[in-house]
Amino acid sequence: MATPITISAENVAGNSGRLVEQPAAVPPTREPSCNPTEASEEITSILSAIVHVRQRPLFALISDFIDNDVLNEVYTWKRELRRIGASNSTDILIHSPGGQLTACYMLARLFSRTTNSWEALVPEYAGSGATLICLGSSNIVMSEISQLGPLDPQVASKRQKKFFATERQSPLEAFEAVKYLREFATSSLDALMELLMEKGVAPEKALETATRLAADLVKPILEKIEPYDLGAFALDNRLAVTYCKEISRSTDSTKKTQRKAAYKALVEYYPAHEFAIDIVEAESLRMKVSEPTPELDELFDQLRPKLAGIKAYIGLVPTAERGAS
């Protein structure tokens, strides 16, 4: 590829009028951003050692909450991501509880555009939206203590009376509540029918009475359920499923992603948002996962305690050679 040139007034060579080509200045190597800044050197040292062990470029995505600011920060590294992604042998270390679903989806799309194959390194936790990002990887490297998490979307609570001002809830809570009421009403109807029949009440009269009594039992709760909210929750749930499908099953056959993963189960199966999906559970979801080598596992062990004090560390990890220069 031709070397980029710069042209200025000084490029005009004397009386000849010829333009002299000069190489453009090479911008200085960027360093990852770290918050708090004082932790940068220690974290970078461990991450650089991971680069040495893996012999692959490493991009770090460490964030206590993934939002549009994090998305924009990662986007500033797009040129570096394209450069290292050209070899289709990129590692992305992910440590985050997740965050805004659409921001996580756009991050996964960004990584997909910069390379056809990348591996996710999860030293400890990549939950919720961070798990969505991992669906775009060709393989997830997880230690025995590493966790992924369910992807049921967490939305602002629509309850009028809240315990906390910023209370969040999952659409699955609303769906489970309706399911419980249906089962409760049915079991109540059966029990009341049996009781009335034992008392000698005629079947038709028993059914009429039992139906009325069962309806009266659930009516106070049903009156508090807003159909509009249930519809909104259903859309949130469908959005999560669609995002998972788009990332894991790209229409571009050259993309090596988690194509066999049971992505719908990540959204709809688990009983709680906090459910820990370890490496064994991930395998049961047909994800492509692997354990770290002993050397990498040791570095994960060194890194894990340091992550607790990091709000964010984002960027291409420098190699030992870069650090020494």
Protein backbone atom coordinates (compact mmCIF):
# COMPACT_ATOMS: atom_id res chain seq x y z
CA MET A 1 0.00 0.00 0.00
CA ALA A 2 1.37 3.46 -0.90
CA THR A 3 2.77 5.57 1.93
CA PRO A 4 0.49 8.55 2.67
CA ILE A 5 2.00 11.90 1.80
CA THR A 6 1.76 15.43 3.09
CA ILE A 7 2.09 18.49 0.89
CA SER A 8 2.95 21.99 2.12
CA ALA A 9 4.51 25.14 0.77
CA GLU A 10 7.94 23.80 1.74
CA ASN A 11 7.42 20.85 -0.60
CA VAL A 12 7.85 23.11 -3.64
CA ALA A 13 11.44 22.51 -4.77
CA GLY A 14 13.17 25.72 -5.93
CA ASN A 15 12.88 26.75 -9.60
CA SER A 16 11.90 23.27 -10.76
CA GLY A 17 8.37 23.61 -9.44
CA ARG A 18 8.32 19.87 -8.61
CA LEU A 19 6.48 18.60 -5.55
CA VAL A 20 8.54 16.49 -3.19
CA GLU A 21 6.70 13.66 -1.45
CA GLN A 22 7.33 13.23 2.28
CA PRO A 23 5.98 10.47 4.53
CA ALA A 24 3.12 11.58 6.75
CA ALA A 25 3.93 11.77 10.44
CA VAL A 26 3.09 8.56 12.29
CA PRO A 27 0.84 9.32 15.26
CA PRO A 28 2.17 8.20 18.65
CA THR A 29 0.97 4.85 19.97
CA ARG A 30 -2.19 5.21 22.05
CA GLU A 31 -2.51 3.81 25.51
CA PRO A 32 -5.74 2.34 26.90
CA SER A 33 -7.83 4.61 29.09
CA CYS A 34 -8.06 3.58 32.73
CA ASN A 35 -10.25 4.76 35.59
CA PRO A 36 -8.74 5.19 38.13
CA THR A 37 -5.58 6.23 36.28
CA GLU A 38 -3.27 5.11 39.08
CA ALA A 39 -4.27 1.48 38.47
CA SER A 40 -3.26 1.59 34.79
CA GLU A 41 0.33 0.41 35.14
CA GLU A 42 -0.50 -2.64 37.24
CA ILE A 43 -3.44 -3.73 35.05
CA THR A 44 -1.50 -3.12 31.84
CA SER A 45 1.38 -5.25 33.11
CA ILE A 46 -0.88 -8.28 33.62
CA LEU A 47 -2.75 -7.75 30.35
CA SER A 48 0.54 -7.43 28.44
CA ALA A 49 1.60 -10.76 29.95
CA ILE A 50 -1.64 -12.26 28.59
CA VAL A 51 -0.70 -10.95 25.13
CA HIS A 52 2.68 -12.67 25.48
CA VAL A 53 1.11 -15.99 26.52
CA ARG A 54 -1.59 -15.95 23.85
CA GLN A 55 0.59 -14.48 21.08
CA ARG A 56 -2.42 -12.58 19.78
CA PRO A 57 -3.47 -8.92 19.87
CA LEU A 58 -5.66 -8.13 22.89
CA PHE A 59 -8.34 -5.47 23.20
CA ALA A 60 -9.64 -4.87 26.73
CA LEU A 61 -13.27 -4.01 27.47
CA ILE A 62 -13.52 -3.58 31.23
CA SER A 63 -16.42 -1.47 32.44
CA ASP A 64 -18.70 -1.36 35.47
CA PHE A 65 -21.56 -0.33 33.15
CA ILE A 66 -21.71 -0.39 29.36
CA ASP A 67 -23.55 2.61 27.94
CA ASN A 68 -23.25 4.94 24.97
CA ASP A 69 -20.18 6.60 26.49
CA VAL A 70 -18.40 3.25 26.57
CA LEU A 71 -19.59 2.53 23.01
CA ASN A 72 -18.18 5.86 21.82
CA GLU A 73 -14.90 5.23 23.64
CA VAL A 74 -14.47 1.83 21.97
CA TYR A 75 -15.41 3.37 18.62
CA THR A 76 -12.40 5.71 18.83
CA TRP A 77 -10.29 2.54 18.56
CA LYS A 78 -11.92 1.43 15.28
CA ARG A 79 -8.74 1.88 13.21
CA GLU A 80 -6.69 -0.20 15.59
CA LEU A 81 -9.45 -2.83 15.74
CA ARG A 82 -9.52 -3.07 11.95
CA ARG A 83 -5.74 -3.37 11.81
CA ILE A 84 -5.48 -6.20 14.34
CA GLY A 85 -8.67 -7.80 13.04
CA ALA A 86 -7.26 -8.29 9.57
CA SER A 87 -5.52 -11.47 10.74
CA ASN A 88 -8.74 -12.89 12.24
CA SER A 89 -6.88 -13.75 15.43
CA THR A 90 -7.97 -11.12 17.92
CA ASP A 91 -8.66 -11.55 21.63
CA ILE A 92 -11.15 -9.32 23.44
CA LEU A 93 -11.01 -9.49 27.22
CA ILE A 94 -14.43 -8.69 28.64
CA HIS A 95 -15.23 -7.92 32.25
CA SER A 96 -18.57 -6.21 32.91
CA PRO A 97 -21.99 -6.84 34.46
CA GLY A 98 -23.52 -5.51 31.24
CA GLY A 99 -25.47 -2.30 30.80
CA GLN A 100 -27.68 -0.77 28.15
CA LEU A 101 -28.81 -3.54 25.81
CA THR A 102 -28.58 -1.51 22.60
CA ALA A 103 -25.12 -0.18 23.47
CA CYS A 104 -23.93 -3.76 24.02
CA TYR A 105 -25.51 -4.82 20.73
CA MET A 106 -23.77 -2.01 18.85
CA LEU A 107 -20.44 -2.97 20.42
CA ALA A 108 -20.89 -6.55 19.24
CA ARG A 109 -21.70 -5.27 15.75
CA LEU A 110 -18.59 -3.07 15.79
CA PHE A 111 -16.34 -6.00 16.70
CA SER A 112 -17.99 -8.07 13.96
CA ARG A 113 -17.26 -5.41 11.34
CA THR A 114 -13.57 -5.24 12.23
CA THR A 115 -12.79 -8.97 12.02
CA ASN A 116 -14.30 -12.29 10.98
CA SER A 117 -13.12 -14.17 14.06
CA TRP A 118 -12.29 -13.16 17.61
CA GLU A 119 -12.13 -14.94 20.95
CA ALA A 120 -13.61 -13.65 24.21
CA LEU A 121 -11.50 -13.91 27.34
CA VAL A 122 -13.64 -13.87 30.49
CA PRO A 123 -11.45 -13.91 33.60
CA GLU A 124 -14.37 -13.42 35.99
CA TYR A 125 -17.71 -11.99 34.87
CA ALA A 126 -19.37 -11.00 31.60
CA GLY A 127 -23.04 -10.81 32.49
CA SER A 128 -26.21 -9.75 30.73
CA GLY A 129 -25.32 -7.38 27.86
CA ALA A 130 -21.66 -8.46 28.10
CA THR A 131 -22.86 -12.02 27.42
CA LEU A 132 -24.60 -10.65 24.31
CA ILE A 133 -21.23 -9.32 23.12
CA CYS A 134 -19.65 -12.75 23.74
CA LEU A 135 -22.20 -14.31 21.36
CA GLY A 136 -20.25 -12.65 18.55
CA SER A 137 -17.07 -14.54 19.44
CA SER A 138 -15.80 -17.76 17.86
CA ASN A 139 -14.83 -19.10 21.29
CA ILE A 140 -15.16 -18.03 24.93
CA VAL A 141 -12.23 -18.76 27.23
CA MET A 142 -13.59 -19.27 30.75
CA SER A 143 -11.95 -20.46 33.95
CA GLU A 144 -13.83 -22.51 36.53
CA ILE A 145 -14.87 -19.32 38.37
CA SER A 146 -15.85 -17.32 35.26
CA GLN A 147 -19.50 -16.43 34.72
CA LEU A 148 -21.81 -15.34 31.95
CA GLY A 149 -25.38 -14.25 32.69
CA PRO A 150 -28.98 -14.39 31.41
CA LEU A 151 -30.12 -11.74 28.96
CA ASP A 152 -33.65 -10.99 30.15
CA PRO A 153 -33.77 -7.19 29.74
CA GLN A 154 -33.81 -5.07 32.88
CA VAL A 155 -36.24 -2.18 32.49
CA ALA A 156 -37.41 0.64 34.72
CA SER A 157 -40.06 -0.64 37.05
CA LYS A 158 -43.58 0.37 36.05
CA ARG A 159 -44.99 -0.25 39.50
CA GLN A 160 -46.51 2.89 40.99
CA LYS A 161 -45.25 2.03 44.45
CA LYS A 162 -41.54 1.22 44.45
CA PHE A 163 -39.13 0.25 47.19
CA PHE A 164 -36.35 2.19 45.45
CA ALA A 165 -36.49 5.21 43.14
CA THR A 166 -34.37 3.46 40.47
CA GLU A 167 -35.98 0.07 40.86
CA ARG A 168 -35.48 -2.26 37.90
CA GLN A 169 -37.37 -5.37 36.90
CA SER A 170 -37.34 -8.05 34.26
CA PRO A 171 -40.24 -8.65 31.85
CA LEU A 172 -40.06 -12.26 33.01
CA GLU A 173 -41.31 -11.12 36.43
CA ALA A 174 -44.53 -9.83 34.87
CA PHE A 175 -44.95 -12.95 32.74
CA GLU A 176 -44.34 -15.20 35.74
CA ALA A 177 -46.88 -13.21 37.76
CA VAL A 178 -49.58 -13.73 35.10
CA LYS A 179 -48.65 -17.40 34.82
CA TYR A 180 -48.92 -17.79 38.59
CA LEU A 181 -52.34 -16.12 38.65
CA ARG A 182 -53.59 -18.41 35.88
CA GLU A 183 -52.40 -21.51 37.73
CA PHE A 184 -53.76 -20.19 41.03
CA ALA A 185 -57.18 -19.47 39.51
CA THR A 186 -57.32 -22.91 37.88
CA SER A 187 -56.29 -24.77 41.03
CA SER A 188 -58.76 -22.72 43.08
CA LEU A 189 -61.56 -23.55 40.65
CA ASP A 190 -60.73 -27.28 40.82
CA ALA A 191 -60.58 -27.26 44.62
CA LEU A 192 -63.85 -25.37 44.97
CA MET A 193 -65.60 -27.66 42.46
CA GLU A 194 -64.44 -30.72 44.39
CA LEU A 195 -65.60 -29.23 47.69
CA LEU A 196 -69.04 -28.26 46.38
CA MET A 197 -69.55 -31.63 44.69
CA GLU A 198 -68.70 -33.34 47.98
CA LYS A 199 -71.39 -31.20 49.62
CA GLY A 200 -73.93 -32.51 47.16
CA VAL A 201 -74.26 -29.38 45.02
CA ALA A 202 -75.39 -30.08 41.46
CA PRO A 203 -72.55 -29.96 38.90
CA GLU A 204 -73.87 -26.94 36.97
CA LYS A 205 -74.48 -24.97 40.14
CA ALA A 206 -71.12 -26.06 41.57
CA LEU A 207 -69.29 -24.87 38.43
CA GLU A 208 -71.09 -21.51 38.45
CA THR A 209 -70.34 -20.96 42.16
CA ALA A 210 -66.72 -22.14 41.95
CA THR A 211 -66.03 -19.93 38.93
CA ARG A 212 -67.40 -16.85 40.68
CA LEU A 213 -65.42 -17.55 43.86
CA ALA A 214 -62.17 -18.23 41.96
CA ALA A 215 -62.58 -14.99 39.99
CA ASP A 216 -63.18 -13.06 43.20
CA LEU A 217 -59.93 -14.43 44.63
CA VAL A 218 -57.72 -13.14 41.79
CA LYS A 219 -59.70 -10.02 40.85
CA PRO A 220 -57.88 -7.61 43.24
CA ILE A 221 -54.52 -8.62 41.74
CA LEU A 222 -55.69 -8.63 38.13
CA GLU A 223 -56.99 -5.07 38.53
CA LYS A 224 -53.44 -3.91 39.25
CA ILE A 225 -52.00 -5.40 36.06
CA GLU A 226 -51.76 -2.97 33.15
CA PRO A 227 -52.19 -4.66 29.74
CA TYR A 228 -50.09 -1.86 28.20
CA ASP A 229 -47.20 -2.72 30.51
CA LEU A 230 -47.41 -6.39 29.57
CA GLY A 231 -47.27 -5.43 25.91
CA ALA A 232 -44.26 -3.18 26.51
CA PHE A 233 -42.53 -5.97 28.43
CA ALA A 234 -43.22 -8.39 25.57
CA LEU A 235 -41.54 -5.97 23.13
CA ASP A 236 -38.51 -5.63 25.43
CA ASN A 237 -38.24 -9.39 25.55
CA ARG A 238 -38.54 -9.72 21.77
CA LEU A 239 -35.86 -7.07 21.29
CA ALA A 240 -33.42 -9.05 23.43
CA VAL A 241 -34.13 -12.27 21.51
CA THR A 242 -33.67 -10.48 18.16
CA TYR A 243 -30.37 -8.91 19.25
CA CYS A 244 -29.08 -12.32 20.37
CA LYS A 245 -30.04 -13.89 17.05
CA GLU A 246 -28.47 -11.10 14.99
CA ILE A 247 -25.15 -11.40 16.84
CA SER A 248 -24.85 -15.17 17.17
CA ARG A 249 -26.23 -16.10 13.76
CA SER A 250 -24.86 -13.53 11.38
CA THR A 251 -26.11 -13.78 7.81
CA ASP A 252 -22.47 -13.37 6.74
CA SER A 253 -21.14 -16.93 6.59
CA THR A 254 -17.55 -15.73 6.94
CA LYS A 255 -18.23 -14.60 10.50
CA LYS A 256 -17.26 -17.22 13.09
CA THR A 257 -19.72 -16.66 15.92
CA GLN A 258 -21.60 -18.68 18.53
CA ARG A 259 -23.95 -19.99 15.83
CA LYS A 260 -25.09 -23.08 17.73
CA ALA A 261 -25.82 -21.26 20.98
CA ALA A 262 -29.35 -21.61 22.40
CA TYR A 263 -29.77 -17.85 22.46
CA LYS A 264 -33.51 -17.87 23.28
CA ALA A 265 -32.77 -19.76 26.49
CA LEU A 266 -30.48 -16.91 27.56
CA VAL A 267 -33.47 -14.56 27.39
CA GLU A 268 -36.38 -16.73 28.51
CA TYR A 269 -35.21 -19.78 30.46
CA TYR A 270 -33.46 -18.75 33.66
CA PRO A 271 -35.39 -18.01 36.89
CA ALA A 272 -33.34 -14.95 37.87
CA HIS A 273 -31.21 -12.30 36.20
CA GLU A 274 -28.42 -13.14 38.65
CA PHE A 275 -28.19 -16.81 37.59
CA ALA A 276 -24.53 -17.78 37.18
CA ILE A 277 -23.78 -19.40 33.83
CA ASP A 278 -20.45 -21.12 34.37
CA ILE A 279 -18.45 -23.03 31.77
CA VAL A 280 -20.47 -26.23 32.28
CA GLU A 281 -23.78 -24.39 31.90
CA ALA A 282 -22.43 -22.53 28.86
CA GLU A 283 -21.59 -25.85 27.24
CA SER A 284 -25.15 -27.05 27.90
CA LEU A 285 -26.32 -24.00 25.95
CA ARG A 286 -24.20 -25.25 23.02
CA MET A 287 -21.76 -22.37 23.30
CA LYS A 288 -18.21 -22.92 22.07
CA VAL A 289 -16.12 -22.49 25.20
CA SER A 290 -12.72 -23.63 26.43
CA GLU A 291 -10.66 -23.52 29.59
CA PRO A 292 -7.54 -21.35 29.76
CA THR A 293 -4.09 -22.89 29.61
CA PRO A 294 -2.33 -23.14 32.99
CA GLU A 295 -0.25 -20.05 32.15
CA LEU A 296 -3.30 -18.02 31.19
CA ASP A 297 -5.25 -19.27 34.20
CA GLU A 298 -2.47 -18.04 36.48
CA LEU A 299 -2.66 -14.60 34.87
CA PHE A 300 -6.46 -14.61 35.28
CA ASP A 301 -5.87 -15.32 38.98
CA GLN A 302 -3.52 -12.34 39.20
CA LEU A 303 -5.92 -10.07 37.31
CA ARG A 304 -9.13 -10.98 39.13
CA PRO A 305 -8.46 -9.16 42.46
CA LYS A 306 -7.36 -6.04 40.59
CA LEU A 307 -10.61 -5.79 38.62
CA ALA A 308 -12.66 -4.95 41.72
CA GLY A 309 -11.21 -1.45 41.87
CA ILE A 310 -11.49 -0.68 38.14
CA LYS A 311 -14.39 1.37 36.82
CA ALA A 312 -13.15 1.18 33.25
CA TYR A 313 -10.15 0.05 31.22
CA ILE A 314 -10.65 0.28 27.47
CA GLY A 315 -8.23 -0.06 24.59
CA LEU A 316 -5.64 -2.10 22.72
CA VAL A 317 -3.24 -3.58 25.24
CA PRO A 318 0.41 -2.68 24.57
CA THR A 319 2.89 -5.51 24.06
CA ALA A 320 6.02 -5.84 26.14
CA GLU A 321 7.98 -4.45 23.16
CA ARG A 322 5.77 -1.34 23.03
CA GLY A 323 6.08 -0.86 26.75
CA ALA A 324 9.88 -1.01 26.55
CA SER A 325 10.20 1.44 23.68
